[in-house]
Amino acid sequence: MTLQERLDAYKADFEKKAAPEKLAIMHRATEDLRRSGILDRVLKSGDAAPEFSLPNSRGEIISSAQLLTRGPLVVSFYRGIW
């Protein structure tokens, strides 16, 4: 099973279980984002990401350029639930 197939199956399962009113809000928000033109500005596969600096878990500022000197960089976004 490809990643896309797995994602599609996950989405279908989620949509079966989600409350209709919440699902409607999510679909509306997704459509609003599409209409905003944001998809024209996102990085595509193979694009270089802009350099950035962010605090790590200890509050130290770490730059992407600094990390790239050690090899490839993987950036993961975590949406906290707090």
PDB file of N, CA and C in Angstrom:
ATOM      1  N   MET A   1       0.852  -1.180   0.000  1.00  0.00           N
ATOM      2  CA  MET A   1       0.000   0.000   0.000  1.00  0.00           C
ATOM      3  C   MET A   1       0.898   1.244   0.000  1.00  0.00           C
ATOM      4  N   THR A   2       0.622   2.161  -0.907  1.00  0.00           N
ATOM      5  CA  THR A   2       1.413   3.386  -0.983  1.00  0.00           C
ATOM      6  C   THR A   2       1.046   4.324   0.160  1.00  0.00           C
ATOM      7  N   LEU A   3       1.899   5.318   0.373  1.00  0.00           N
ATOM      8  CA  LEU A   3       1.600   6.314   1.397  1.00  0.00           C
ATOM      9  C   LEU A   3       0.288   7.017   1.091  1.00  0.00           C
ATOM     10  N   GLN A   4       0.068   7.385  -0.171  1.00  0.00           N
ATOM     11  CA  GLN A   4      -1.174   8.073  -0.536  1.00  0.00           C
ATOM     12  C   GLN A   4      -2.386   7.202  -0.247  1.00  0.00           C
ATOM     13  N   GLU A   5      -2.280   5.916  -0.532  1.00  0.00           N
ATOM     14  CA  GLU A   5      -3.395   5.004  -0.248  1.00  0.00           C
ATOM     15  C   GLU A   5      -3.659   4.919   1.257  1.00  0.00           C
ATOM     16  N   ARG A   6      -2.595   4.894   2.032  1.00  0.00           N
ATOM     17  CA  ARG A   6      -2.752   4.847   3.489  1.00  0.00           C
ATOM     18  C   ARG A   6      -3.389   6.131   4.008  1.00  0.00           C
ATOM     19  N   LEU A   7      -2.943   7.269   3.478  1.00  0.00           N
ATOM     20  CA  LEU A   7      -3.525   8.547   3.892  1.00  0.00           C
ATOM     21  C   LEU A   7      -4.999   8.631   3.507  1.00  0.00           C
ATOM     22  N   ASP A   8      -5.332   8.178   2.306  1.00  0.00           N
ATOM     23  CA  ASP A   8      -6.731   8.194   1.863  1.00  0.00           C
ATOM     24  C   ASP A   8      -7.600   7.308   2.755  1.00  0.00           C
ATOM     25  N   ALA A   9      -7.074   6.144   3.138  1.00  0.00           N
ATOM     26  CA  ALA A   9      -7.819   5.235   4.006  1.00  0.00           C
ATOM     27  C   ALA A   9      -8.001   5.851   5.393  1.00  0.00           C
ATOM     28  N   TYR A  10      -6.954   6.492   5.899  1.00  0.00           N
ATOM     29  CA  TYR A  10      -7.036   7.155   7.205  1.00  0.00           C
ATOM     30  C   TYR A  10      -8.089   8.265   7.175  1.00  0.00           C
ATOM     31  N   LYS A  11      -8.070   9.061   6.105  1.00  0.00           N
ATOM     32  CA  LYS A  11      -9.033  10.153   5.969  1.00  0.00           C
ATOM     33  C   LYS A  11     -10.466   9.610   5.901  1.00  0.00           C
ATOM     34  N   ALA A  12     -10.667   8.566   5.101  1.00  0.00           N
ATOM     35  CA  ALA A  12     -12.008   7.988   4.959  1.00  0.00           C
ATOM     36  C   ALA A  12     -12.503   7.457   6.304  1.00  0.00           C
ATOM     37  N   ASP A  13     -11.635   6.791   7.058  1.00  0.00           N
ATOM     38  CA  ASP A  13     -12.008   6.258   8.361  1.00  0.00           C
ATOM     39  C   ASP A  13     -12.347   7.387   9.329  1.00  0.00           C
ATOM     40  N   PHE A  14     -11.527   8.442   9.306  1.00  0.00           N
ATOM     41  CA  PHE A  14     -11.784   9.592  10.172  1.00  0.00           C
ATOM     42  C   PHE A  14     -13.133  10.226   9.842  1.00  0.00           C
ATOM     43  N   GLU A  15     -13.405  10.409   8.543  1.00  0.00           N
ATOM     44  CA  GLU A  15     -14.648  11.080   8.140  1.00  0.00           C
ATOM     45  C   GLU A  15     -15.881  10.259   8.473  1.00  0.00           C
ATOM     46  N   LYS A  16     -15.743   8.935   8.551  1.00  0.00           N
ATOM     47  CA  LYS A  16     -16.872   8.094   8.955  1.00  0.00           C
ATOM     48  C   LYS A  16     -17.220   8.303  10.427  1.00  0.00           C
ATOM     49  N   LYS A  17     -16.187   8.603  11.242  1.00  0.00           N
ATOM     50  CA  LYS A  17     -16.373   8.698  12.687  1.00  0.00           C
ATOM     51  C   LYS A  17     -16.620  10.122  13.180  1.00  0.00           C
ATOM     52  N   ALA A  18     -16.229  11.118  12.391  1.00  0.00           N
ATOM     53  CA  ALA A  18     -16.316  12.512  12.845  1.00  0.00           C
ATOM     54  C   ALA A  18     -17.763  12.995  12.883  1.00  0.00           C
ATOM     55  N   ALA A  19     -18.022  13.886  13.818  1.00  0.00           N
ATOM     56  CA  ALA A  19     -19.343  14.503  13.903  1.00  0.00           C
ATOM     57  C   ALA A  19     -19.573  15.353  12.655  1.00  0.00           C
ATOM     58  N   PRO A  20     -20.752  15.266  12.041  1.00  0.00           N
ATOM     59  CA  PRO A  20     -21.014  15.985  10.794  1.00  0.00           C
ATOM     60  C   PRO A  20     -20.750  17.491  10.871  1.00  0.00           C
ATOM     61  N   GLU A  21     -21.110  18.125  12.001  1.00  0.00           N
ATOM     62  CA  GLU A  21     -20.902  19.574  12.104  1.00  0.00           C
ATOM     63  C   GLU A  21     -19.413  19.919  12.164  1.00  0.00           C
ATOM     64  N   LYS A  22     -18.614  19.076  12.807  1.00  0.00           N
ATOM     65  CA  LYS A  22     -17.165  19.315  12.859  1.00  0.00           C
ATOM     66  C   LYS A  22     -16.523  19.044  11.502  1.00  0.00           C
ATOM     67  N   LEU A  23     -17.010  18.035  10.849  1.00  0.00           N
ATOM     68  CA  LEU A  23     -16.504  17.706   9.510  1.00  0.00           C
ATOM     69  C   LEU A  23     -16.800  18.843   8.533  1.00  0.00           C
ATOM     70  N   ALA A  24     -17.971  19.437   8.643  1.00  0.00           N
ATOM     71  CA  ALA A  24     -18.337  20.564   7.781  1.00  0.00           C
ATOM     72  C   ALA A  24     -17.407  21.752   8.026  1.00  0.00           C
ATOM     73  N   ILE A  25     -17.072  22.009   9.276  1.00  0.00           N
ATOM     74  CA  ILE A  25     -16.142  23.101   9.605  1.00  0.00           C
ATOM     75  C   ILE A  25     -14.781  22.825   8.989  1.00  0.00           C
ATOM     76  N   MET A  26     -14.297  21.599   9.121  1.00  0.00           N
ATOM     77  CA  MET A  26     -12.986  21.244   8.571  1.00  0.00           C
ATOM     78  C   MET A  26     -12.961  21.378   7.052  1.00  0.00           C
ATOM     79  N   HIS A  27     -14.003  20.902   6.390  1.00  0.00           N
ATOM     80  CA  HIS A  27     -14.066  21.003   4.925  1.00  0.00           C
ATOM     81  C   HIS A  27     -14.129  22.467   4.474  1.00  0.00           C
ATOM     82  N   ARG A  28     -14.897  23.273   5.207  1.00  0.00           N
ATOM     83  CA  ARG A  28     -14.994  24.688   4.873  1.00  0.00           C
ATOM     84  C   ARG A  28     -13.642  25.383   5.049  1.00  0.00           C
ATOM     85  N   ALA A  29     -12.943  25.066   6.137  1.00  0.00           N
ATOM     86  CA  ALA A  29     -11.629  25.663   6.381  1.00  0.00           C
ATOM     87  C   ALA A  29     -10.620  25.240   5.317  1.00  0.00           C
ATOM     88  N   THR A  30     -10.684  23.987   4.906  1.00  0.00           N
ATOM     89  CA  THR A  30      -9.791  23.495   3.852  1.00  0.00           C
ATOM     90  C   THR A  30     -10.062  24.221   2.542  1.00  0.00           C
ATOM     91  N   GLU A  31     -11.316  24.391   2.218  1.00  0.00           N
ATOM     92  CA  GLU A  31     -11.672  25.094   0.982  1.00  0.00           C
ATOM     93  C   GLU A  31     -11.260  26.565   1.055  1.00  0.00           C
ATOM     94  N   ASP A  32     -11.416  27.184   2.212  1.00  0.00           N
ATOM     95  CA  ASP A  32     -10.963  28.573   2.389  1.00  0.00           C
ATOM     96  C   ASP A  32      -9.463  28.691   2.124  1.00  0.00           C
ATOM     97  N   LEU A  33      -8.698  27.743   2.631  1.00  0.00           N
ATOM     98  CA  LEU A  33      -7.248  27.750   2.390  1.00  0.00           C
ATOM     99  C   LEU A  33      -6.936  27.606   0.897  1.00  0.00           C
ATOM    100  N   ARG A  34      -7.624  26.693   0.236  1.00  0.00           N
ATOM    101  CA  ARG A  34      -7.394  26.508  -1.214  1.00  0.00           C
ATOM    102  C   ARG A  34      -7.690  27.799  -1.977  1.00  0.00           C
ATOM    103  N   ARG A  35      -8.807  28.439  -1.647  1.00  0.00           N
ATOM    104  CA  ARG A  35      -9.189  29.670  -2.349  1.00  0.00           C
ATOM    105  C   ARG A  35      -8.252  30.833  -2.041  1.00  0.00           C
ATOM    106  N   SER A  36      -7.534  30.763  -0.929  1.00  0.00           N
ATOM    107  CA  SER A  36      -6.637  31.849  -0.535  1.00  0.00           C
ATOM    108  C   SER A  36      -5.415  31.960  -1.435  1.00  0.00           C
ATOM    109  N   GLY A  37      -5.134  30.908  -2.208  1.00  0.00           N
ATOM    110  CA  GLY A  37      -3.951  30.917  -3.065  1.00  0.00           C
ATOM    111  C   GLY A  37      -2.709  30.379  -2.385  1.00  0.00           C
ATOM    112  N   ILE A  38      -2.855  29.878  -1.182  1.00  0.00           N
ATOM    113  CA  ILE A  38      -1.696  29.389  -0.434  1.00  0.00           C
ATOM    114  C   ILE A  38      -0.983  28.248  -1.153  1.00  0.00           C
ATOM    115  N   LEU A  39      -1.729  27.442  -1.901  1.00  0.00           N
ATOM    116  CA  LEU A  39      -1.106  26.306  -2.591  1.00  0.00           C
ATOM    117  C   LEU A  39      -0.112  26.749  -3.658  1.00  0.00           C
ATOM    118  N   ASP A  40      -0.268  27.976  -4.146  1.00  0.00           N
ATOM    119  CA  ASP A  40       0.679  28.496  -5.133  1.00  0.00           C
ATOM    120  C   ASP A  40       2.004  28.893  -4.494  1.00  0.00           C
ATOM    121  N   ARG A  41       2.021  29.015  -3.169  1.00  0.00           N
ATOM    122  CA  ARG A  41       3.221  29.484  -2.468  1.00  0.00           C
ATOM    123  C   ARG A  41       3.945  28.403  -1.673  1.00  0.00           C
ATOM    124  N   VAL A  42       3.382  27.205  -1.587  1.00  0.00           N
ATOM    125  CA  VAL A  42       4.015  26.159  -0.790  1.00  0.00           C
ATOM    126  C   VAL A  42       5.221  25.569  -1.521  1.00  0.00           C
ATOM    127  N   LEU A  43       6.169  25.041  -0.741  1.00  0.00           N
ATOM    128  CA  LEU A  43       7.325  24.392  -1.334  1.00  0.00           C
ATOM    129  C   LEU A  43       6.892  23.109  -2.018  1.00  0.00           C
ATOM    130  N   LYS A  44       7.503  22.833  -3.132  1.00  0.00           N
ATOM    131  CA  LYS A  44       7.243  21.595  -3.879  1.00  0.00           C
ATOM    132  C   LYS A  44       8.383  20.618  -3.599  1.00  0.00           C
ATOM    133  N   SER A  45       8.155  19.374  -3.900  1.00  0.00           N
ATOM    134  CA  SER A  45       9.185  18.354  -3.729  1.00  0.00           C
ATOM    135  C   SER A  45      10.440  18.775  -4.482  1.00  0.00           C
ATOM    136  N   GLY A  46      11.580  18.761  -3.793  1.00  0.00           N
ATOM    137  CA  GLY A  46      12.842  19.156  -4.400  1.00  0.00           C
ATOM    138  C   GLY A  46      13.214  20.603  -4.191  1.00  0.00           C
ATOM    139  N   ASP A  47      12.267  21.453  -3.748  1.00  0.00           N
ATOM    140  CA  ASP A  47      12.564  22.855  -3.470  1.00  0.00           C
ATOM    141  C   ASP A  47      13.431  22.969  -2.217  1.00  0.00           C
ATOM    142  N   ALA A  48      14.277  23.978  -2.184  1.00  0.00           N
ATOM    143  CA  ALA A  48      15.063  24.248  -0.982  1.00  0.00           C
ATOM    144  C   ALA A  48      14.224  25.093  -0.032  1.00  0.00           C
ATOM    145  N   ALA A  49      14.218  24.697   1.222  1.00  0.00           N
ATOM    146  CA  ALA A  49      13.481  25.456   2.232  1.00  0.00           C
ATOM    147  C   ALA A  49      14.289  26.687   2.622  1.00  0.00           C
ATOM    148  N   PRO A  50      13.622  27.760   2.999  1.00  0.00           N
ATOM    149  CA  PRO A  50      14.354  28.948   3.464  1.00  0.00           C
ATOM    150  C   PRO A  50      15.049  28.644   4.791  1.00  0.00           C
ATOM    151  N   GLU A  51      16.157  29.338   5.037  1.00  0.00           N
ATOM    152  CA  GLU A  51      16.848  29.181   6.318  1.00  0.00           C
ATOM    153  C   GLU A  51      15.966  29.733   7.432  1.00  0.00           C
ATOM    154  N   PHE A  52      16.087  29.134   8.616  1.00  0.00           N
ATOM    155  CA  PHE A  52      15.319  29.594   9.762  1.00  0.00           C
ATOM    156  C   PHE A  52      16.092  29.325  11.039  1.00  0.00           C
ATOM    157  N   SER A  53      15.707  29.992  12.092  1.00  0.00           N
ATOM    158  CA  SER A  53      16.250  29.772  13.434  1.00  0.00           C
ATOM    159  C   SER A  53      15.081  29.664  14.392  1.00  0.00           C
ATOM    160  N   LEU A  54      15.148  28.667  15.267  1.00  0.00           N
ATOM    161  CA  LEU A  54      14.073  28.427  16.230  1.00  0.00           C
ATOM    162  C   LEU A  54      14.672  27.951  17.546  1.00  0.00           C
ATOM    163  N   PRO A  55      13.948  28.149  18.645  1.00  0.00           N
ATOM    164  CA  PRO A  55      14.445  27.616  19.916  1.00  0.00           C
ATOM    165  C   PRO A  55      14.226  26.103  19.989  1.00  0.00           C
ATOM    166  N   ASN A  56      15.195  25.400  20.575  1.00  0.00           N
ATOM    167  CA  ASN A  56      15.012  23.967  20.794  1.00  0.00           C
ATOM    168  C   ASN A  56      14.298  23.754  22.129  1.00  0.00           C
ATOM    169  N   SER A  57      14.229  22.521  22.586  1.00  0.00           N
ATOM    170  CA  SER A  57      13.486  22.214  23.812  1.00  0.00           C
ATOM    171  C   SER A  57      14.119  22.824  25.056  1.00  0.00           C
ATOM    172  N   ARG A  58      15.392  23.242  24.968  1.00  0.00           N
ATOM    173  CA  ARG A  58      16.067  23.883  26.095  1.00  0.00           C
ATOM    174  C   ARG A  58      16.086  25.404  25.963  1.00  0.00           C
ATOM    175  N   GLY A  59      15.422  25.923  24.929  1.00  0.00           N
ATOM    176  CA  GLY A  59      15.363  27.361  24.723  1.00  0.00           C
ATOM    177  C   GLY A  59      16.548  27.935  23.965  1.00  0.00           C
ATOM    178  N   GLU A  60      17.468  27.082  23.516  1.00  0.00           N
ATOM    179  CA  GLU A  60      18.631  27.527  22.749  1.00  0.00           C
ATOM    180  C   GLU A  60      18.220  27.756  21.297  1.00  0.00           C
ATOM    181  N   ILE A  61      18.692  28.843  20.696  1.00  0.00           N
ATOM    182  CA  ILE A  61      18.361  29.128  19.301  1.00  0.00           C
ATOM    183  C   ILE A  61      19.256  28.266  18.388  1.00  0.00           C
ATOM    184  N   ILE A  62      18.615  27.503  17.540  1.00  0.00           N
ATOM    185  CA  ILE A  62      19.296  26.611  16.607  1.00  0.00           C
ATOM    186  C   ILE A  62      18.922  27.036  15.195  1.00  0.00           C
ATOM    187  N   SER A  63      19.908  27.129  14.317  1.00  0.00           N
ATOM    188  CA  SER A  63      19.619  27.538  12.940  1.00  0.00           C
ATOM    189  C   SER A  63      19.648  26.324  12.016  1.00  0.00           C
ATOM    190  N   SER A  64      18.840  26.366  10.994  1.00  0.00           N
ATOM    191  CA  SER A  64      18.823  25.278  10.023  1.00  0.00           C
ATOM    192  C   SER A  64      20.171  25.184   9.311  1.00  0.00           C
ATOM    193  N   ALA A  65      20.805  26.330   9.049  1.00  0.00           N
ATOM    194  CA  ALA A  65      22.112  26.323   8.381  1.00  0.00           C
ATOM    195  C   ALA A  65      23.135  25.583   9.238  1.00  0.00           C
ATOM    196  N   GLN A  66      23.095  25.812  10.542  1.00  0.00           N
ATOM    197  CA  GLN A  66      24.008  25.128  11.465  1.00  0.00           C
ATOM    198  C   GLN A  66      23.777  23.615  11.427  1.00  0.00           C
ATOM    199  N   LEU A  67      22.537  23.202  11.452  1.00  0.00           N
ATOM    200  CA  LEU A  67      22.217  21.774  11.428  1.00  0.00           C
ATOM    201  C   LEU A  67      22.600  21.130  10.097  1.00  0.00           C
ATOM    202  N   LEU A  68      22.443  21.857   9.003  1.00  0.00           N
ATOM    203  CA  LEU A  68      22.764  21.312   7.682  1.00  0.00           C
ATOM    204  C   LEU A  68      24.252  21.042   7.501  1.00  0.00           C
ATOM    205  N   THR A  69      25.098  21.669   8.308  1.00  0.00           N
ATOM    206  CA  THR A  69      26.533  21.387   8.205  1.00  0.00           C
ATOM    207  C   THR A  69      26.837  19.968   8.656  1.00  0.00           C
ATOM    208  N   ARG A  70      25.923  19.363   9.411  1.00  0.00           N
ATOM    209  CA  ARG A  70      26.108  17.994   9.911  1.00  0.00           C
ATOM    210  C   ARG A  70      25.476  16.949   9.007  1.00  0.00           C
ATOM    211  N   GLY A  71      24.739  17.378   7.973  1.00  0.00           N
ATOM    212  CA  GLY A  71      24.093  16.430   7.063  1.00  0.00           C
ATOM    213  C   GLY A  71      22.673  16.856   6.754  1.00  0.00           C
ATOM    214  N   PRO A  72      21.913  15.969   6.094  1.00  0.00           N
ATOM    215  CA  PRO A  72      20.528  16.294   5.742  1.00  0.00           C
ATOM    216  C   PRO A  72      19.694  16.610   6.975  1.00  0.00           C
ATOM    217  N   LEU A  73      18.708  17.435   6.772  1.00  0.00           N
ATOM    218  CA  LEU A  73      17.862  17.904   7.867  1.00  0.00           C
ATOM    219  C   LEU A  73      16.422  17.489   7.618  1.00  0.00           C
ATOM    220  N   VAL A  74      15.816  16.898   8.621  1.00  0.00           N
ATOM    221  CA  VAL A  74      14.396  16.545   8.573  1.00  0.00           C
ATOM    222  C   VAL A  74      13.681  17.455   9.561  1.00  0.00           C
ATOM    223  N   VAL A  75      12.648  18.135   9.105  1.00  0.00           N
ATOM    224  CA  VAL A  75      11.878  19.030   9.953  1.00  0.00           C
ATOM    225  C   VAL A  75      10.506  18.402  10.165  1.00  0.00           C
ATOM    226  N   SER A  76      10.131  18.279  11.415  1.00  0.00           N
ATOM    227  CA  SER A  76       8.842  17.692  11.761  1.00  0.00           C
ATOM    228  C   SER A  76       8.022  18.740  12.494  1.00  0.00           C
ATOM    229  N   PHE A  77       6.781  18.898  12.092  1.00  0.00           N
ATOM    230  CA  PHE A  77       5.883  19.847  12.743  1.00  0.00           C
ATOM    231  C   PHE A  77       4.932  19.063  13.643  1.00  0.00           C
ATOM    232  N   TYR A  78       4.890  19.456  14.905  1.00  0.00           N
ATOM    233  CA  TYR A  78       4.014  18.803  15.858  1.00  0.00           C
ATOM    234  C   TYR A  78       2.980  19.814  16.333  1.00  0.00           C
ATOM    235  N   ARG A  79       1.750  19.464  16.134  1.00  0.00           N
ATOM    236  CA  ARG A  79       0.672  20.332  16.606  1.00  0.00           C
ATOM    237  C   ARG A  79       0.263  19.841  17.988  1.00  0.00           C
ATOM    238  N   GLY A  80       0.664  20.578  18.982  1.00  0.00           N
ATOM    239  CA  GLY A  80       0.377  20.185  20.357  1.00  0.00           C
ATOM    240  C   GLY A  80      -1.102  20.297  20.691  1.00  0.00           C
ATOM    241  N   ILE A  81      -1.499  19.543  21.676  1.00  0.00           N
ATOM    242  CA  ILE A  81      -2.892  19.591  22.149  1.00  0.00           C
ATOM    243  C   ILE A  81      -2.856  20.070  23.588  1.00  0.00           C
ATOM    244  N   TRP A  82      -2.696  21.379  23.746  1.00  0.00           N
ATOM    245  CA  TRP A  82      -2.614  21.922  25.090  1.00  0.00           C
ATOM    246  C   TRP A  82      -3.502  23.109  25.274  1.00  0.00           C
TER     247      TRP A  82
END
